[in-house]
Amino acid sequence: QVQVVESGGGLVQPGGSLRLSCAASRTIFSMGWYRQAPGKQRELVAVFSRGNSGPSINYADSVKGRFTLSRDTAKNTVYLQMDSLKPEDTAVYYCNAVSASDFKTYWGQGTQVTVSS
């Protein structure tokens, strides 16, 4: 069992910044963030994963150049720095972690990000 603990989120004006953090209780294979806006499906935002050619980070096209995913491997933690936020970034953001031991998927409880003036 992997515990996934999120922090961050809140209300910010358009053009502002927020930082999300997610910590896993055990070593992970991949870790990142998804989001779900009202009436829409959950979508990938940014995810770090290990691959045969080394670690990689994938971003949704809609956040490239604005969001940055970083990680602290020793702490099993990832950080999502969100800059130049837009109203369409408003959603519940969920941390996702895939365990390195059994490749099971775990989700955080979700944190609300609201971009509004």
C-alpha atoms as a PDB file:
ATOM      1  CA  GLN A   1       0.000   0.000   0.000  1.00  0.00           C
ATOM      2  CA  VAL A   2       1.277   3.453  -0.948  1.00  0.00           C
ATOM      3  CA  GLN A   3       0.054   6.585   0.770  1.00  0.00           C
ATOM      4  CA  VAL A   4      -0.158   9.629  -1.485  1.00  0.00           C
ATOM      5  CA  VAL A   5      -0.328  13.010   0.232  1.00  0.00           C
ATOM      6  CA  GLU A   6      -1.004  16.199  -1.707  1.00  0.00           C
ATOM      7  CA  SER A   7      -0.591  19.822  -0.700  1.00  0.00           C
ATOM      8  CA  GLY A   8      -0.995  23.170  -2.377  1.00  0.00           C
ATOM      9  CA  GLY A   9      -3.791  24.474  -4.536  1.00  0.00           C
ATOM     10  CA  GLY A  10      -6.151  27.341  -3.881  1.00  0.00           C
ATOM     11  CA  LEU A  11      -7.482  30.449  -5.561  1.00  0.00           C
ATOM     12  CA  VAL A  12      -5.300  32.578  -7.818  1.00  0.00           C
ATOM     13  CA  GLN A  13      -5.863  35.328 -10.354  1.00  0.00           C
ATOM     14  CA  PRO A  14      -5.186  34.759 -14.048  1.00  0.00           C
ATOM     15  CA  GLY A  15      -1.482  35.044 -14.754  1.00  0.00           C
ATOM     16  CA  GLY A  16      -0.607  33.988 -11.240  1.00  0.00           C
ATOM     17  CA  SER A  17       1.305  30.992  -9.923  1.00  0.00           C
ATOM     18  CA  LEU A  18       0.712  28.062  -7.630  1.00  0.00           C
ATOM     19  CA  ARG A  19       2.793  25.115  -6.511  1.00  0.00           C
ATOM     20  CA  LEU A  20       1.476  21.635  -5.819  1.00  0.00           C
ATOM     21  CA  SER A  21       3.367  18.973  -3.906  1.00  0.00           C
ATOM     22  CA  CYS A  22       2.802  15.252  -3.721  1.00  0.00           C
ATOM     23  CA  ALA A  23       4.624  12.808  -1.478  1.00  0.00           C
ATOM     24  CA  ALA A  24       4.465   9.019  -1.690  1.00  0.00           C
ATOM     25  CA  SER A  25       5.199   6.744   1.225  1.00  0.00           C
ATOM     26  CA  ARG A  26       7.214   4.272  -0.857  1.00  0.00           C
ATOM     27  CA  THR A  27       9.451   4.186  -3.889  1.00  0.00           C
ATOM     28  CA  ILE A  28       7.532   4.857  -7.054  1.00  0.00           C
ATOM     29  CA  PHE A  29       7.881   3.944 -10.707  1.00  0.00           C
ATOM     30  CA  SER A  30       5.993   6.953 -11.974  1.00  0.00           C
ATOM     31  CA  MET A  31       4.365   9.946 -10.359  1.00  0.00           C
ATOM     32  CA  GLY A  32       2.584  13.024 -11.526  1.00  0.00           C
ATOM     33  CA  TRP A  33      -0.569  15.053 -11.757  1.00  0.00           C
ATOM     34  CA  TYR A  34      -3.910  14.725 -13.473  1.00  0.00           C
ATOM     35  CA  ARG A  35      -6.828  17.121 -13.360  1.00  0.00           C
ATOM     36  CA  GLN A  36     -10.559  17.022 -13.775  1.00  0.00           C
ATOM     37  CA  ALA A  37     -12.707  20.031 -14.542  1.00  0.00           C
ATOM     38  CA  PRO A  38     -16.480  19.993 -13.993  1.00  0.00           C
ATOM     39  CA  GLY A  39     -18.206  17.980 -16.694  1.00  0.00           C
ATOM     40  CA  LYS A  40     -14.952  16.793 -18.208  1.00  0.00           C
ATOM     41  CA  GLN A  41     -12.876  13.648 -18.060  1.00  0.00           C
ATOM     42  CA  ARG A  42      -9.762  13.397 -15.967  1.00  0.00           C
ATOM     43  CA  GLU A  43      -6.714  14.295 -18.023  1.00  0.00           C
ATOM     44  CA  LEU A  44      -2.977  14.076 -17.662  1.00  0.00           C
ATOM     45  CA  VAL A  45      -1.175  17.271 -16.712  1.00  0.00           C
ATOM     46  CA  ALA A  46       2.406  16.165 -16.156  1.00  0.00           C
ATOM     47  CA  VAL A  47       3.968  12.890 -15.138  1.00  0.00           C
ATOM     48  CA  PHE A  48       7.443  11.668 -14.348  1.00  0.00           C
ATOM     49  CA  SER A  49       8.248   8.065 -15.182  1.00  0.00           C
ATOM     50  CA  ARG A  50      11.200   5.749 -15.416  1.00  0.00           C
ATOM     51  CA  GLY A  51      11.877   4.170 -18.759  1.00  0.00           C
ATOM     52  CA  ASN A  52      14.375   1.875 -20.414  1.00  0.00           C
ATOM     53  CA  SER A  53      16.256   4.933 -21.679  1.00  0.00           C
ATOM     54  CA  GLY A  54      16.082   6.778 -18.391  1.00  0.00           C
ATOM     55  CA  PRO A  55      13.606   9.033 -16.561  1.00  0.00           C
ATOM     56  CA  SER A  56      11.284  11.232 -18.556  1.00  0.00           C
ATOM     57  CA  ILE A  57       8.586  13.824 -17.995  1.00  0.00           C
ATOM     58  CA  ASN A  58       5.495  14.128 -20.152  1.00  0.00           C
ATOM     59  CA  TYR A  59       3.361  17.264 -20.244  1.00  0.00           C
ATOM     60  CA  ALA A  60      -0.049  17.931 -21.684  1.00  0.00           C
ATOM     61  CA  ASP A  61       0.198  20.255 -24.663  1.00  0.00           C
ATOM     62  CA  SER A  62      -2.036  22.757 -22.898  1.00  0.00           C
ATOM     63  CA  VAL A  63       0.468  23.286 -20.064  1.00  0.00           C
ATOM     64  CA  LYS A  64       3.796  23.058 -21.894  1.00  0.00           C
ATOM     65  CA  GLY A  65       5.910  26.122 -21.225  1.00  0.00           C
ATOM     66  CA  ARG A  66       3.788  27.131 -18.221  1.00  0.00           C
ATOM     67  CA  PHE A  67       3.955  24.178 -15.831  1.00  0.00           C
ATOM     68  CA  THR A  68       7.110  22.505 -14.557  1.00  0.00           C
ATOM     69  CA  LEU A  69       7.271  19.128 -12.850  1.00  0.00           C
ATOM     70  CA  SER A  70      10.255  18.448 -10.631  1.00  0.00           C
ATOM     71  CA  ARG A  71      11.103  15.666  -8.222  1.00  0.00           C
ATOM     72  CA  ASP A  72      12.993  14.862  -5.078  1.00  0.00           C
ATOM     73  CA  THR A  73      13.830  11.201  -5.486  1.00  0.00           C
ATOM     74  CA  ALA A  74      15.078  10.763  -1.928  1.00  0.00           C
ATOM     75  CA  LYS A  75      11.724  12.000  -0.588  1.00  0.00           C
ATOM     76  CA  ASN A  76       9.535  10.254  -3.205  1.00  0.00           C
ATOM     77  CA  THR A  77       8.055  13.685  -3.849  1.00  0.00           C
ATOM     78  CA  VAL A  78       7.116  15.601  -6.974  1.00  0.00           C
ATOM     79  CA  TYR A  79       6.353  19.280  -7.295  1.00  0.00           C
ATOM     80  CA  LEU A  80       4.207  20.945  -9.932  1.00  0.00           C
ATOM     81  CA  GLN A  81       5.044  24.604 -10.430  1.00  0.00           C
ATOM     82  CA  MET A  82       2.190  26.249 -12.286  1.00  0.00           C
ATOM     83  CA  ASP A  83       2.865  29.665 -13.809  1.00  0.00           C
ATOM     84  CA  SER A  84       0.860  31.920 -16.104  1.00  0.00           C
ATOM     85  CA  LEU A  85      -2.317  30.261 -14.900  1.00  0.00           C
ATOM     86  CA  LYS A  86      -5.454  30.599 -16.983  1.00  0.00           C
ATOM     87  CA  PRO A  87      -9.125  30.213 -16.049  1.00  0.00           C
ATOM     88  CA  GLU A  88      -9.202  26.997 -18.076  1.00  0.00           C
ATOM     89  CA  ASP A  89      -6.674  25.512 -15.648  1.00  0.00           C
ATOM     90  CA  THR A  90      -9.413  25.496 -13.018  1.00  0.00           C
ATOM     91  CA  ALA A  91      -9.958  21.901 -11.906  1.00  0.00           C
ATOM     92  CA  VAL A  92      -9.422  19.404  -9.145  1.00  0.00           C
ATOM     93  CA  TYR A  93      -5.844  18.219  -9.405  1.00  0.00           C
ATOM     94  CA  TYR A  94      -5.065  14.637  -8.443  1.00  0.00           C
ATOM     95  CA  CYS A  95      -1.675  13.161  -7.707  1.00  0.00           C
ATOM     96  CA  ASN A  96      -1.053   9.766  -9.272  1.00  0.00           C
ATOM     97  CA  ALA A  97       1.636   7.321  -8.211  1.00  0.00           C
ATOM     98  CA  VAL A  98       2.559   3.905  -9.557  1.00  0.00           C
ATOM     99  CA  SER A  99       4.390   1.736  -7.076  1.00  0.00           C
ATOM    100  CA  ALA A 100       7.837   0.453  -8.082  1.00  0.00           C
ATOM    101  CA  SER A 101       7.284  -2.809  -6.211  1.00  0.00           C
ATOM    102  CA  ASP A 102       3.963  -3.993  -7.632  1.00  0.00           C
ATOM    103  CA  PHE A 103       3.078  -1.370 -10.292  1.00  0.00           C
ATOM    104  CA  LYS A 104      -0.262  -0.667  -8.676  1.00  0.00           C
ATOM    105  CA  THR A 105      -1.759   2.788  -9.158  1.00  0.00           C
ATOM    106  CA  TYR A 106      -2.590   5.052  -6.255  1.00  0.00           C
ATOM    107  CA  TRP A 107      -4.433   8.387  -6.218  1.00  0.00           C
ATOM    108  CA  GLY A 108      -4.420  11.321  -3.865  1.00  0.00           C
ATOM    109  CA  GLN A 109      -7.622  12.854  -2.549  1.00  0.00           C
ATOM    110  CA  GLY A 110      -7.459  15.781  -4.949  1.00  0.00           C
ATOM    111  CA  THR A 111      -6.842  19.474  -4.427  1.00  0.00           C
ATOM    112  CA  GLN A 112      -8.846  22.323  -5.924  1.00  0.00           C
ATOM    113  CA  VAL A 113      -7.151  24.885  -8.144  1.00  0.00           C
ATOM    114  CA  THR A 114      -9.297  27.861  -9.093  1.00  0.00           C
ATOM    115  CA  VAL A 115      -8.084  30.557 -11.470  1.00  0.00           C
ATOM    116  CA  SER A 116     -10.410  33.526 -11.376  1.00  0.00           C
ATOM    117  CA  SER A 117     -10.367  37.283 -11.107  1.00  0.00           C
END
